Amino acid sequence: MILTIHLLTGAALGQKIHPFGLALILAFFSHYALDFLPHSHEYSVKRIKEKKWHSAGFDFLKVGLDLIIGLTIIFLIIGLKLAVYETAFLAILADGLTFLSLICDNRLLRLHEAFHRRVHFLRKWPIPSGVKFFIELIVLVVAIYFLAD
């Protein structure tokens, strides 16, 4: 899933789930639940994954735009509500840890990265791209619905 969908899901959890401690936990684990669903990665970050930092500018731009779009949608729907941004952040933390594992050689980060990669196992199934897109669209609409409600 793209970061925007993770951000919106985390924000929706922060908006709707009480007590807030439970929302924090659910937001963090929502990342793995969403990554388990069949989905496509709409854009490549191959140069980042290959640690080709000198030529990864466009990859970082795509990730940055994804973050900006997600945060802008949250802001337009609910404004500045700190708790919602905290849960949104926790919903993308898994990808942040995966990126950090590229920079730091750390056993825990490597273990997390291996787990995070395995969660995506349904990506290898021959599921049509249209079905994957439809699943992502449903998650996006449901997240926006609960965020705005």
Protein backbone atom coordinates (compact mmCIF):
# COMPACT_ATOMS: atom_id res chain seq x y z
CA MET A 1 0.00 0.00 0.00
CA ILE A 2 1.13 3.53 -0.58
CA LEU A 3 1.96 5.69 2.41
CA THR A 4 -1.15 7.85 1.91
CA ILE A 5 -3.41 4.85 2.57
CA HIS A 6 -1.43 3.87 5.67
CA LEU A 7 -1.53 7.46 6.95
CA LEU A 8 -5.28 7.78 6.42
CA THR A 9 -5.96 4.43 8.08
CA GLY A 10 -3.86 5.35 11.09
CA ALA A 11 -5.53 8.75 11.31
CA ALA A 12 -9.00 7.18 11.13
CA LEU A 13 -8.07 4.83 13.96
CA GLY A 14 -6.85 7.78 16.01
CA GLN A 15 -10.11 9.60 15.31
CA LYS A 16 -12.43 6.71 16.20
CA ILE A 17 -10.78 4.31 18.66
CA HIS A 18 -10.88 4.93 22.40
CA PRO A 19 -8.99 4.59 24.66
CA PHE A 20 -6.21 6.34 22.80
CA GLY A 21 -3.61 3.76 23.88
CA LEU A 22 -5.55 1.13 21.97
CA ALA A 23 -5.68 3.42 18.93
CA LEU A 24 -1.87 3.74 19.04
CA ILE A 25 -1.41 -0.03 19.11
CA LEU A 26 -3.97 -0.65 16.36
CA ALA A 27 -2.44 2.08 14.17
CA PHE A 28 0.99 0.48 14.38
CA PHE A 29 -0.32 -3.01 13.57
CA SER A 30 -2.66 -1.70 10.87
CA HIS A 31 0.40 -1.32 8.65
CA TYR A 32 1.04 -5.06 8.63
CA ALA A 33 -2.66 -5.86 8.22
CA LEU A 34 -2.89 -3.60 5.16
CA ASP A 35 0.34 -4.95 3.71
CA PHE A 36 -1.09 -8.46 4.06
CA LEU A 37 -3.93 -7.56 1.69
CA PRO A 38 -3.27 -8.00 -2.01
CA HIS A 39 -2.06 -4.66 -3.34
CA SER A 40 0.34 -3.22 -5.83
CA HIS A 41 3.15 -0.83 -5.14
CA GLU A 42 2.24 2.06 -7.38
CA TYR A 43 5.71 3.46 -7.57
CA SER A 44 9.20 2.05 -7.43
CA VAL A 45 11.86 3.00 -4.91
CA LYS A 46 14.41 0.66 -6.44
CA ARG A 47 17.33 3.09 -6.12
CA ILE A 48 16.63 3.58 -2.41
CA LYS A 49 16.43 -0.19 -1.87
CA GLU A 50 19.70 -0.63 -3.76
CA LYS A 51 21.31 2.16 -1.68
CA LYS A 52 22.13 4.15 -4.82
CA TRP A 53 21.83 7.39 -2.88
CA HIS A 54 23.41 9.57 -5.58
CA SER A 55 20.63 8.69 -8.03
CA ALA A 56 17.74 8.15 -5.60
CA GLY A 57 16.47 11.73 -5.64
CA PHE A 58 13.42 10.91 -7.74
CA ASP A 59 12.56 7.98 -5.45
CA PHE A 60 12.73 10.27 -2.42
CA LEU A 61 10.57 12.80 -4.26
CA LYS A 62 7.87 10.16 -4.88
CA VAL A 63 7.91 9.13 -1.21
CA GLY A 64 7.82 12.76 -0.10
CA LEU A 65 4.87 13.55 -2.35
CA ASP A 66 3.06 10.48 -1.05
CA LEU A 67 3.56 11.69 2.52
CA ILE A 68 2.50 15.24 1.66
CA ILE A 69 -0.66 14.03 -0.10
CA GLY A 70 -1.66 11.84 2.86
CA LEU A 71 -0.96 14.52 5.46
CA THR A 72 -2.76 17.16 3.37
CA ILE A 73 -5.88 14.99 3.10
CA ILE A 74 -5.84 14.46 6.87
CA PHE A 75 -5.40 18.19 7.47
CA LEU A 76 -8.22 19.11 5.08
CA ILE A 77 -10.60 16.70 6.79
CA ILE A 78 -9.83 17.23 10.49
CA GLY A 79 -7.35 20.10 10.77
CA LEU A 80 -4.68 20.01 13.44
CA LYS A 81 -5.57 17.28 15.89
CA LEU A 82 -2.31 15.96 17.35
CA ALA A 83 -3.64 12.54 18.36
CA VAL A 84 -4.67 11.79 14.77
CA TYR A 85 -1.20 12.65 13.47
CA GLU A 86 0.38 10.45 16.14
CA THR A 87 -1.61 7.43 15.01
CA ALA A 88 -0.97 8.32 11.35
CA PHE A 89 2.77 8.34 12.11
CA LEU A 90 2.58 4.96 13.84
CA ALA A 91 0.77 3.55 10.80
CA ILE A 92 3.80 4.30 8.58
CA LEU A 93 6.47 3.48 11.17
CA ALA A 94 7.01 -0.01 9.75
CA ASP A 95 8.15 1.49 6.44
CA GLY A 96 10.34 3.93 8.34
CA LEU A 97 11.99 1.06 10.18
CA THR A 98 12.50 -0.74 6.87
CA PHE A 99 14.21 2.35 5.45
CA LEU A 100 16.32 2.66 8.60
CA SER A 101 17.47 -0.94 8.13
CA LEU A 102 19.06 0.17 4.84
CA ILE A 103 21.12 2.78 6.65
CA CYS A 104 21.95 1.01 9.91
CA ASP A 105 23.25 -2.51 10.18
CA ASN A 106 21.25 -3.56 13.20
CA ARG A 107 20.00 -7.05 14.03
CA LEU A 108 16.56 -5.91 15.23
CA LEU A 109 16.05 -3.77 12.13
CA ARG A 110 17.07 -6.69 9.90
CA LEU A 111 14.61 -8.97 11.71
CA HIS A 112 11.85 -6.40 11.31
CA GLU A 113 12.65 -5.93 7.62
CA ALA A 114 12.50 -9.69 7.02
CA PHE A 115 9.15 -9.91 8.85
CA HIS A 116 7.78 -6.90 6.97
CA ARG A 117 8.78 -8.46 3.64
CA ARG A 118 7.09 -11.77 4.56
CA VAL A 119 3.82 -10.01 5.41
CA HIS A 120 3.56 -9.09 1.71
CA PHE A 121 3.41 -12.76 0.66
CA LEU A 122 0.08 -12.33 -1.17
CA ARG A 123 1.87 -10.05 -3.67
CA LYS A 124 3.29 -13.20 -5.24
CA TRP A 125 -0.17 -14.63 -5.95
CA PRO A 126 -1.53 -14.16 -9.48
CA ILE A 127 -4.19 -11.63 -8.50
CA PRO A 128 -5.24 -9.26 -11.30
CA SER A 129 -4.02 -5.67 -10.99
CA GLY A 130 -7.60 -4.43 -11.15
CA VAL A 131 -8.52 -6.46 -8.05
CA LYS A 132 -5.47 -5.13 -6.21
CA PHE A 133 -6.39 -1.56 -7.16
CA PHE A 134 -10.01 -2.14 -6.07
CA ILE A 135 -8.85 -3.40 -2.65
CA GLU A 136 -6.69 -0.31 -2.20
CA LEU A 137 -9.56 1.93 -3.29
CA ILE A 138 -11.91 0.31 -0.77
CA VAL A 139 -9.39 0.79 2.06
CA LEU A 140 -8.88 4.41 1.02
CA VAL A 141 -12.62 5.19 0.90
CA VAL A 142 -13.31 3.45 4.22
CA ALA A 143 -10.41 5.28 5.91
CA ILE A 144 -11.61 8.66 4.62
CA TYR A 145 -15.19 7.84 5.64
CA PHE A 146 -14.20 7.06 9.24
CA LEU A 147 -11.79 9.98 9.40
CA ALA A 148 -14.47 12.44 8.26
CA ASP A 149 -17.35 10.91 10.22
